[in-house]
N, C-alpha and C. Protein backbone atom coordinates (compact mmCIF):
# COMPACT_ATOMS: atom_id res chain seq x y z
N MET A 1 1.31 -1.30 0.10
CA MET A 1 -0.06 0.23 -0.02
C MET A 1 0.57 1.10 -0.04
N MET A 2 0.77 2.25 -0.61
CA MET A 2 1.50 3.52 -0.99
C MET A 2 0.77 4.51 0.51
N LYS A 3 2.15 4.81 0.62
CA LYS A 3 2.03 6.04 2.08
C LYS A 3 2.34 7.54 1.30
N TYR A 4 1.71 7.95 1.72
CA TYR A 4 1.29 9.19 1.34
C TYR A 4 2.23 10.42 2.31
N LYS A 5 3.09 10.99 1.48
CA LYS A 5 3.93 12.10 2.21
C LYS A 5 3.41 13.45 2.81
N GLU A 6 3.31 14.23 3.82
CA GLU A 6 2.72 15.28 4.08
C GLU A 6 3.68 16.21 3.66
N HIS A 7 2.75 17.31 3.39
CA HIS A 7 3.41 18.59 3.02
C HIS A 7 4.25 19.58 3.97
N TYR A 8 5.14 20.08 3.47
CA TYR A 8 5.59 21.00 4.67
C TYR A 8 5.52 22.24 4.25
N ALA A 9 5.81 23.15 5.16
CA ALA A 9 5.74 24.41 3.93
C ALA A 9 6.64 25.51 4.96
N CYS A 10 7.91 26.00 3.95
CA CYS A 10 8.78 27.28 4.52
C CYS A 10 7.57 28.67 4.42
N PHE A 11 6.97 29.63 5.33
CA PHE A 11 6.74 30.67 4.60
C PHE A 11 7.69 32.06 4.65
N SER A 12 9.14 31.29 4.66
CA SER A 12 10.09 32.47 4.24
C SER A 12 10.77 32.09 3.54
N CYS A 13 10.92 31.14 2.62
CA CYS A 13 11.80 30.81 1.83
C CYS A 13 10.58 30.89 0.62
N ARG A 14 8.80 30.78 1.15
CA ARG A 14 7.90 30.49 0.34
C ARG A 14 8.29 28.71 -0.40
N LYS A 15 8.76 27.91 -0.02
CA LYS A 15 8.94 26.96 -0.80
C LYS A 15 8.08 25.52 0.37
N ALA A 16 7.98 24.83 -0.38
CA ALA A 16 7.13 23.63 0.07
C ALA A 16 7.77 22.30 -0.72
N PHE A 17 7.62 21.05 0.74
CA PHE A 17 8.98 19.92 0.86
C PHE A 17 7.80 18.72 0.80
N LYS A 18 8.07 18.00 0.41
CA LYS A 18 7.85 16.40 1.40
C LYS A 18 8.45 15.95 2.00
N ARG A 19 8.25 15.23 3.03
CA ARG A 19 9.36 15.21 4.18
C ARG A 19 9.67 13.41 4.12
N LYS A 20 10.64 12.81 3.92
CA LYS A 20 10.68 11.17 4.31
C LYS A 20 10.34 10.86 4.41
N LEU A 21 9.58 9.22 3.93
CA LEU A 21 8.90 8.59 5.59
C LEU A 21 10.50 7.75 5.95
N LEU A 22 10.63 7.73 6.67
CA LEU A 22 11.66 6.24 7.58
C LEU A 22 11.67 5.36 7.39
N CYS A 23 10.48 4.90 6.29
CA CYS A 23 10.17 3.71 5.79
C CYS A 23 10.51 3.89 4.16
N ASP A 24 11.00 4.32 3.92
CA ASP A 24 11.63 5.73 2.35
C ASP A 24 13.29 5.00 2.38
N ILE A 25 13.58 5.36 3.74
CA ILE A 25 15.22 5.56 4.44
C ILE A 25 15.66 3.65 4.48
N LYS A 26 14.72 3.86 5.32
CA LYS A 26 15.10 2.03 5.76
C LYS A 26 14.30 1.10 5.59
N ASN A 27 14.38 0.02 4.69
CA ASN A 27 13.98 -0.88 4.31
C ASN A 27 12.80 -1.42 5.40
N GLY A 28 11.94 -1.66 5.82
CA GLY A 28 10.65 -2.78 6.58
C GLY A 28 10.43 -1.67 7.97
N TYR A 29 10.90 -0.48 7.99
CA TYR A 29 11.46 -0.02 9.11
C TYR A 29 9.52 0.24 9.26
N SER A 30 8.95 0.29 10.44
CA SER A 30 7.36 0.27 10.45
C SER A 30 7.30 1.64 11.16
N GLN A 31 8.07 2.27 12.08
CA GLN A 31 7.57 3.87 11.90
C GLN A 31 7.28 4.57 10.74
N ALA A 32 6.15 5.24 10.35
CA ALA A 32 5.80 6.20 9.70
C ALA A 32 6.76 7.37 9.43
N ARG A 33 7.04 7.91 10.56
CA ARG A 33 7.47 9.28 10.31
C ARG A 33 8.52 9.26 11.53
N SER A 34 9.81 10.59 11.64
CA SER A 34 10.65 10.36 12.44
C SER A 34 9.27 11.63 13.67
N LYS A 35 9.53 11.71 14.63
CA LYS A 35 9.04 13.34 15.69
C LYS A 35 9.91 13.96 15.76
N LYS A 36 11.15 14.26 14.96
CA LYS A 36 11.52 15.28 14.97
C LYS A 36 11.01 16.82 14.36
N ALA A 37 11.30 17.71 14.67
CA ALA A 37 10.39 18.80 13.83
C ALA A 37 11.05 18.95 12.34
N SER A 38 10.06 19.21 11.36
CA SER A 38 11.28 19.90 10.29
C SER A 38 11.50 20.94 9.91
N LYS A 39 12.81 21.08 9.40
CA LYS A 39 13.50 22.45 9.35
C LYS A 39 13.74 22.57 7.85
N CYS A 40 13.83 23.82 7.27
CA CYS A 40 13.68 24.11 5.87
C CYS A 40 15.09 23.69 5.55
N PRO A 41 15.30 23.20 4.62
CA PRO A 41 16.38 22.89 4.34
C PRO A 41 17.72 23.90 3.51
N GLU A 42 16.85 24.96 3.31
CA GLU A 42 17.40 26.28 3.02
C GLU A 42 17.80 27.34 4.10
N CYS A 43 16.37 27.91 4.87
CA CYS A 43 17.16 28.48 5.93
C CYS A 43 17.06 28.30 7.04
N GLY A 44 16.88 27.13 7.58
CA GLY A 44 16.84 26.46 8.47
C GLY A 44 15.87 26.75 9.63
N GLN A 45 14.52 26.94 9.28
CA GLN A 45 13.53 27.37 10.02
C GLN A 45 12.69 26.51 10.12
N LEU A 46 11.87 26.44 11.34
CA LEU A 46 10.70 25.25 11.42
C LEU A 46 10.12 25.23 10.13
N MET A 47 9.63 24.25 9.44
CA MET A 47 8.63 24.16 9.09
C MET A 47 7.08 24.06 9.35
N ALA A 48 5.97 24.32 8.71
CA ALA A 48 4.52 23.85 8.98
C ALA A 48 4.30 23.22 8.30
N ASN A 49 3.74 21.99 9.05
CA ASN A 49 3.15 20.41 8.35
C ASN A 49 1.81 20.75 8.32
N MET A 50 1.20 21.27 6.54
CA MET A 50 0.11 21.40 5.81
C MET A 50 -0.35 20.09 5.49
N GLY A 51 -0.14 18.95 5.69
CA GLY A 51 -0.81 17.58 5.53
C GLY A 51 -1.19 17.34 4.18
N LYS A 52 -1.20 16.22 3.92
CA LYS A 52 -0.92 15.37 2.59
C LYS A 52 -1.48 16.41 1.10
N ASP A 53 -2.60 16.69 1.58
CA ASP A 53 -3.92 17.51 0.64
C ASP A 53 -3.32 19.07 0.01
N PHE A 54 -2.14 19.69 0.79
CA PHE A 54 -1.67 20.69 0.09
C PHE A 54 -1.05 21.01 -0.78
N GLU A 55 -1.35 22.41 -1.47
CA GLU A 55 -0.86 22.65 -2.86
C GLU A 55 0.05 23.97 -2.58
N ALA A 56 1.27 23.69 -2.69
CA ALA A 56 1.96 25.33 -2.52
C ALA A 56 1.40 26.51 -3.91
N PRO A 57 0.92 27.49 -3.45
CA PRO A 57 1.33 28.36 -4.48
C PRO A 57 2.95 28.54 -5.11
N LYS A 58 2.47 29.65 -6.61
CA LYS A 58 4.01 29.71 -6.67
C LYS A 58 5.37 30.39 -5.55
N LYS A 59 6.05 30.50 -5.68
CA LYS A 59 7.36 31.22 -4.93
C LYS A 59 7.23 32.75 -4.80
N LYS A 60 6.90 33.09 -6.26
CA LYS A 60 6.16 34.40 -6.51
C LYS A 60 5.13 35.01 -6.30
N ASP A 61 4.31 34.30 -5.92
CA ASP A 61 2.78 34.41 -5.56
C ASP A 61 3.11 35.00 -3.87
N ILE A 62 3.62 36.05 -3.65
CA ILE A 62 3.90 36.72 -2.38
C ILE A 62 2.25 36.61 -1.60
N LYS A 63 1.27 37.03 -2.43
CA LYS A 63 -0.01 37.38 -1.49
C LYS A 63 -0.16 35.57 -1.17
N SER A 64 -0.65 35.18 -2.33
CA SER A 64 -1.13 34.01 -1.40
C SER A 64 -0.06 33.41 -0.88
N TRP A 65 0.89 33.60 -0.58
CA TRP A 65 1.80 32.49 0.91
C TRP A 65 1.29 33.32 1.77
N THR A 66 0.95 34.58 2.03
CA THR A 66 0.72 35.40 3.13
C THR A 66 -0.64 34.71 3.68
N HIS A 67 -1.65 34.61 2.34
CA HIS A 67 -2.71 33.70 2.96
C HIS A 67 -2.73 32.65 3.70
N ILE A 68 -1.69 31.58 3.02
CA ILE A 68 -1.35 30.71 2.72
C ILE A 68 -1.12 30.71 4.39
N GLN A 69 0.09 31.74 4.60
CA GLN A 69 0.04 31.48 6.83
C GLN A 69 -0.79 31.89 7.36
N LYS A 70 -1.34 32.87 7.04
CA LYS A 70 -2.95 33.29 7.78
C LYS A 70 -3.57 31.60 7.76
N LEU A 71 -3.76 31.12 6.88
CA LEU A 71 -4.60 30.07 7.27
C LEU A 71 -4.59 29.39 8.15
N TYR A 72 -2.66 28.98 8.11
CA TYR A 72 -1.90 28.13 9.19
C TYR A 72 -2.08 28.73 10.69
N LYS A 73 -2.24 30.25 10.48
CA LYS A 73 -2.32 30.49 12.16
C LYS A 73 -3.47 30.41 12.79
N ILE A 74 -4.40 30.10 11.83
CA ILE A 74 -5.39 30.01 12.63
C ILE A 74 -6.15 28.24 12.66
N GLY A 75 -5.28 27.38 12.47
CA GLY A 75 -5.24 26.20 12.58
C GLY A 75 -5.67 25.28 11.48
N PHE A 76 -5.86 25.85 10.15
CA PHE A 76 -6.30 25.24 8.64
C PHE A 76 -5.26 24.68 7.81
N THR A 77 -5.44 23.85 8.09
CA THR A 77 -4.36 23.28 7.53
C THR A 77 -4.77 21.60 6.55
N PHE A 78 -4.05 20.79 6.02
CA PHE A 78 -4.90 19.75 4.83
C PHE A 78 -4.39 18.85 5.40
N HIS A 79 -5.06 18.08 6.02
CA HIS A 79 -4.53 16.85 6.86
C HIS A 79 -5.61 15.80 5.83
N PHE A 80 -5.88 15.29 5.48
CA PHE A 80 -6.89 14.31 4.98
C PHE A 80 -5.79 12.81 4.29
N CYS A 81 -6.50 11.93 3.67
CA CYS A 81 -5.74 11.02 3.17
C CYS A 81 -4.57 11.13 2.01
N GLY A 82 -4.96 12.44 1.44
CA GLY A 82 -4.56 12.65 -0.17
C GLY A 82 -4.86 11.69 -1.37
N CYS A 83 -6.01 11.36 -1.12
CA CYS A 83 -6.48 10.26 -2.23
C CYS A 83 -6.85 11.26 -2.89
N SER A 84 -7.89 12.48 -2.67
CA SER A 84 -8.42 13.30 -3.56
C SER A 84 -8.12 14.06 -3.90
N GLY A 85 -6.85 14.44 -3.98
CA GLY A 85 -6.31 15.79 -4.67
C GLY A 85 -5.56 16.74 -3.91
N PRO A 86 -5.58 17.88 -4.49
CA PRO A 86 -5.64 19.16 -3.46
C PRO A 86 -6.57 19.27 -2.58
N ALA A 87 -6.55 19.90 -1.44
CA ALA A 87 -7.88 20.23 -0.68
C ALA A 87 -8.61 21.62 -1.11
N TYR A 88 -9.60 21.95 -0.69
CA TYR A 88 -10.41 23.33 -0.61
C TYR A 88 -9.24 24.62 0.04
N ILE A 89 -8.40 25.61 -0.92
CA ILE A 89 -7.81 26.42 0.34
C ILE A 89 -8.93 27.93 -0.15
N PRO A 90 -9.74 28.39 0.56
CA PRO A 90 -10.01 29.17 0.13
C PRO A 90 -9.20 30.73 -0.11
N ARG A 91 -9.81 31.35 -1.44
CA ARG A 91 -7.65 32.17 -1.80
C ARG A 91 -8.36 33.59 -1.46
N SER A 92 -8.67 34.05 -0.79
CA SER A 92 -9.49 34.89 0.08
C SER A 92 -9.76 35.68 1.47
N ASP A 93 -9.74 36.40 2.46
CA ASP A 93 -9.88 36.48 3.20
C ASP A 93 -11.89 36.40 3.43
N GLU A 94 -12.41 36.73 2.06
CA GLU A 94 -13.90 36.61 2.12
C GLU A 94 -14.52 35.46 1.99
N ALA A 95 -13.55 34.43 1.18
CA ALA A 95 -13.92 33.22 0.92
C ALA A 95 -13.45 32.27 2.37
N LEU A 96 -12.73 32.87 3.21
CA LEU A 96 -12.33 31.86 3.94
C LEU A 96 -13.63 32.61 5.16
N ALA A 97 -13.78 33.53 5.23
CA ALA A 97 -14.78 33.93 6.33
C ALA A 97 -16.30 33.08 5.69
N LEU A 98 -16.75 32.50 4.52
CA LEU A 98 -17.69 32.37 3.87
C LEU A 98 -17.58 31.11 4.58
N TYR A 99 -16.65 30.28 4.35
CA TYR A 99 -16.44 28.79 4.88
C TYR A 99 -16.29 28.51 5.56
N LEU A 100 -15.75 29.58 6.52
CA LEU A 100 -15.84 29.06 8.06
C LEU A 100 -17.56 29.32 8.62
N TYR A 101 -18.21 30.61 7.70
CA TYR A 101 -19.36 30.45 8.52
C TYR A 101 -20.48 29.22 7.49
N SER A 102 -20.35 28.20 7.03
CA SER A 102 -20.66 27.63 6.37
C SER A 102 -20.53 26.28 7.57
N ILE A 103 -19.15 26.06 7.81
CA ILE A 103 -19.07 25.21 8.78
C ILE A 103 -19.87 25.39 10.11
N LYS A 104 -19.66 26.77 10.40
CA LYS A 104 -20.09 27.30 11.93
C LYS A 104 -21.86 26.86 11.62
N GLU A 105 -22.55 27.00 10.42
CA GLU A 105 -24.01 26.18 9.51
C GLU A 105 -23.90 25.27 10.77
N LYS A 106 -22.95 24.25 10.14
CA LYS A 106 -23.04 22.83 9.65
C LYS A 106 -22.92 22.15 11.72
N TYR A 107 -22.34 22.51 12.20
CA TYR A 107 -22.01 22.52 14.15
C TYR A 107 -23.79 22.89 14.50
N GLU A 108 -23.81 24.41 14.14
CA GLU A 108 -25.18 24.65 15.08
C GLU A 108 -26.63 23.89 14.38
N LYS A 109 -26.56 23.15 13.20
CA LYS A 109 -27.40 22.29 12.59
C LYS A 109 -26.63 20.89 13.71
N GLU A 110 -25.59 20.95 14.41
CA GLU A 110 -26.09 19.54 14.98
C GLU A 110 -26.21 19.88 16.39
N LEU A 111 -25.66 20.98 17.15
CA LEU A 111 -25.84 20.87 18.03
C LEU A 111 -27.85 20.90 17.52
N THR A 112 -28.55 21.91 17.25
CA THR A 112 -29.77 21.60 17.13
C THR A 112 -30.29 20.13 17.41
N PHE A 113 -29.39 19.43 16.22
CA PHE A 113 -30.45 18.01 16.74
C PHE A 113 -29.91 17.36 18.03
N TRP A 114 -28.74 17.74 18.48
CA TRP A 114 -28.42 16.96 20.03
C TRP A 114 -29.62 17.72 20.86
N ARG A 115 -29.66 19.32 21.27
CA ARG A 115 -31.19 19.81 22.04
C ARG A 115 -32.05 19.20 22.05
N GLN A 116 -32.48 18.48 20.43
CA GLN A 116 -33.83 18.17 20.71
C GLN A 116 -34.03 16.40 21.14
N ARG A 117 -32.78 15.71 20.98
CA ARG A 117 -33.03 14.51 20.81
C ARG A 117 -33.40 13.91 21.96
N LYS A 118 -34.44 12.70 21.99
CA LYS A 118 -34.66 12.16 22.62
C LYS A 118 -33.52 10.51 22.85
N VAL A 119 -33.49 10.82 23.95
CA VAL A 119 -32.32 9.82 24.17
C VAL A 119 -33.31 8.25 24.16
N PRO A 120 -32.71 7.24 23.28
CA PRO A 120 -32.79 5.66 23.55
C PRO A 120 -33.29 5.28 24.03
N GLN A 121 -34.22 4.79 24.92
CA GLN A 121 -33.87 3.50 26.35
C GLN A 121 -33.65 2.28 25.92
N THR A 122 -34.55 1.49 24.60
CA THR A 122 -34.23 -0.21 24.40
C THR A 122 -33.08 0.35 23.51
N ALA A 123 -32.98 -1.48 23.45
CA ALA A 123 -32.13 -1.72 22.80
C ALA A 123 -32.94 -1.63 21.43
N ALA A 124 -33.82 -1.74 20.96
CA ALA A 124 -34.41 -1.58 19.45
C ALA A 124 -34.79 0.15 19.19
N GLU A 125 -34.74 1.03 20.26
CA GLU A 125 -34.66 2.40 19.71
C GLU A 125 -33.44 2.70 19.74
N LYS A 126 -32.37 2.20 20.31
CA LYS A 126 -30.87 2.50 19.98
C LYS A 126 -30.62 2.12 18.80
N GLN A 127 -31.03 0.92 18.19
CA GLN A 127 -30.72 0.46 16.92
C GLN A 127 -31.55 1.01 15.69
N LYS A 128 -32.60 1.78 16.06
CA LYS A 128 -33.47 2.71 15.25
C LYS A 128 -32.65 4.30 14.92
N GLU A 129 -31.82 4.68 16.43
CA GLU A 129 -31.54 5.62 16.01
C GLU A 129 -29.84 5.58 15.20
N ARG A 130 -29.40 4.44 15.10
CA ARG A 130 -27.87 4.19 14.73
C ARG A 130 -28.34 4.72 12.82
N SER A 131 -29.61 3.58 12.66
CA SER A 131 -29.75 3.74 11.09
C SER A 131 -30.51 5.30 10.93
N LYS A 132 -31.46 5.85 12.06
CA LYS A 132 -32.24 7.02 11.15
C LYS A 132 -31.57 8.30 11.41
N HIS A 133 -30.07 8.09 12.24
CA HIS A 133 -29.10 9.24 12.48
C HIS A 133 -28.12 9.17 12.33
N PHE A 134 -27.69 8.39 11.55
CA PHE A 134 -25.78 7.98 11.31
C PHE A 134 -25.21 8.68 11.04
N ASN A 135 -25.44 10.11 10.38
CA ASN A 135 -25.04 11.12 9.81
C ASN A 135 -24.31 11.62 11.36
N HIS A 136 -25.10 11.90 12.17
CA HIS A 136 -25.33 12.46 12.94
C HIS A 136 -23.87 12.13 14.24
N LEU A 137 -24.21 10.82 14.22
CA LEU A 137 -23.37 9.65 15.25
C LEU A 137 -22.21 9.81 14.54
N ASN A 138 -22.24 9.46 13.49
CA ASN A 138 -21.03 9.20 12.92
C ASN A 138 -19.92 10.77 12.97
N GLU A 139 -20.64 11.82 13.07
CA GLU A 139 -19.96 12.92 12.98
C GLU A 139 -19.31 13.33 14.57
N LEU A 140 -19.48 12.68 15.54
CA LEU A 140 -18.55 12.14 16.43
C LEU A 140 -17.91 10.80 16.67
N SER A 141 -18.12 10.02 16.14
CA SER A 141 -16.82 9.22 15.87
C SER A 141 -15.65 8.88 16.50
N GLY A 142 -14.74 9.99 15.90
CA GLY A 142 -13.50 10.81 16.75
C GLY A 142 -13.16 10.93 17.91
N ASN A 143 -14.05 11.36 18.68
CA ASN A 143 -14.29 12.19 19.74
C ASN A 143 -15.45 11.25 21.01
N PHE A 144 -16.32 10.49 20.63
CA PHE A 144 -16.71 9.92 21.54
C PHE A 144 -17.15 8.41 21.06
N ASN A 145 -17.38 7.29 21.56
CA ASN A 145 -17.62 5.93 21.43
C ASN A 145 -18.78 6.12 20.95
N ILE A 146 -19.59 5.74 19.55
CA ILE A 146 -20.96 5.66 19.62
C ILE A 146 -21.80 4.61 19.68
N ARG A 147 -20.61 3.59 19.81
CA ARG A 147 -21.40 2.50 20.34
C ARG A 147 -21.91 2.54 21.66
N LYS A 148 -21.35 3.46 22.21
CA LYS A 148 -21.70 3.45 24.13
C LYS A 148 -22.98 4.37 23.93
N ASP A 149 -23.47 4.17 25.02
CA ASP A 149 -25.18 5.52 25.05
C ASP A 149 -24.00 6.89 25.22
N ILE A 150 -24.99 7.49 24.78
CA ILE A 150 -24.37 8.67 24.35
C ILE A 150 -25.13 9.91 25.00
N LYS A 151 -24.84 10.07 25.69
CA LYS A 151 -25.33 11.24 26.86
C LYS A 151 -24.95 12.87 26.25
N ASN A 152 -26.38 12.99 25.81
CA ASN A 152 -26.93 14.84 25.41
C ASN A 152 -25.58 15.82 25.54
N ASN A 153 -26.00 15.85 26.96
CA ASN A 153 -25.04 17.02 28.11
C ASN A 153 -23.65 17.58 27.26
N GLU A 154 -22.89 15.98 27.58
CA GLU A 154 -21.81 15.69 26.88
C GLU A 154 -21.33 16.88 25.08
N VAL A 155 -22.47 15.76 24.65
CA VAL A 155 -22.01 16.27 23.17
C VAL A 155 -22.94 18.05 22.99
N ILE A 156 -23.74 18.40 23.46
CA ILE A 156 -23.71 19.64 23.62
C ILE A 156 -23.06 20.61 23.83
N THR A 157 -21.99 20.60 25.16
CA THR A 157 -21.23 20.68 25.06
C THR A 157 -20.10 20.63 24.03
N TYR A 158 -19.87 19.87 23.81
CA TYR A 158 -18.81 19.50 22.67
C TYR A 158 -18.82 20.66 21.26
N TRP A 159 -20.31 20.37 20.90
CA TRP A 159 -20.56 21.25 20.29
C TRP A 159 -20.57 22.52 19.96
N VAL A 160 -21.50 22.92 21.59
CA VAL A 160 -20.97 24.24 21.67
C VAL A 160 -19.32 25.31 21.98
N ASN A 161 -18.72 24.01 22.24
CA ASN A 161 -16.83 24.57 22.33
C ASN A 161 -16.24 24.16 20.77
N LYS A 162 -17.24 23.76 19.81
CA LYS A 162 -16.62 23.86 18.43
C LYS A 162 -17.24 24.97 17.74
N ILE A 163 -18.52 25.02 18.19
CA ILE A 163 -18.72 26.53 17.31
C ILE A 163 -18.20 27.84 18.06
N SER A 164 -17.85 28.13 19.59
CA SER A 164 -16.65 29.13 19.81
C SER A 164 -15.15 29.13 19.68
N LEU A 165 -14.82 27.62 18.96
CA LEU A 165 -14.06 27.89 18.29
C LEU A 165 -13.52 28.56 17.20
N ILE A 166 -14.75 28.36 16.19
CA ILE A 166 -15.23 28.90 15.08
C ILE A 166 -15.33 29.90 14.23
N ASN A 167 -16.05 30.55 15.87
CA ASN A 167 -16.37 32.09 15.84
C ASN A 167 -15.21 33.03 16.40
N GLN A 168 -14.01 32.43 16.89
CA GLN A 168 -12.75 32.67 17.39
C GLN A 168 -12.00 32.79 16.18
N LYS A 169 -12.18 31.73 15.15
CA LYS A 169 -11.33 32.07 13.94
C LYS A 169 -11.94 32.89 12.61
N ILE A 170 -13.53 33.00 13.09
CA ILE A 170 -14.32 33.91 12.21
C ILE A 170 -13.72 35.55 12.61
N GLN A 171 -13.62 35.47 14.12
CA GLN A 171 -13.49 37.02 14.53
C GLN A 171 -11.81 37.27 14.11
N SER A 172 -10.68 36.04 13.79
CA SER A 172 -9.30 36.73 13.96
C SER A 172 -9.47 36.72 12.28
N ILE A 173 -10.25 36.69 11.53
CA ILE A 173 -10.46 37.48 9.90
C ILE A 173 -10.71 38.34 9.98
N ILE A 174 -12.04 38.47 10.56
CA ILE A 174 -12.74 39.73 10.70
C ILE A 174 -11.91 41.03 10.61
N ASN A 175 -11.33 40.58 11.83
CA ASN A 175 -10.21 41.85 13.00
C ASN A 175 -8.79 41.84 12.05
């Protein structure tokens, strides 16, 4: 199976590199990559891990590099599997704000669902909920054990916190 390499960006040099995996260097080495920080081969500064789906702008495009650096500072990276090619990169502050508002809207819909959710009591009700509300449950799969009983108040707190974080990001773009 192919191992995708993550892209590292140096905002000073306006260059991006793929970091070699240890399994590329040492045949059969099981650890995917070193825990050591990546430094730019040109200037020696620490590089930003932009993820597998990052596509760097041209070196001369200073405006795009400045924008990408702003995206990185608010936590916008491209850590996906790499299969689908380059990820969506908002090209302006306005596009980024609209993108963040769309994420916020999605989070608010999730929050509304969980506030209105009737907690299933029986095994049949739980199975019905898994079938009917799979999308809502799947949104939690990385943060909650969806096979166990999910407490509404914990999930509501989770979505309130996510909305708060996205609001902070929106404010940092607007200001």
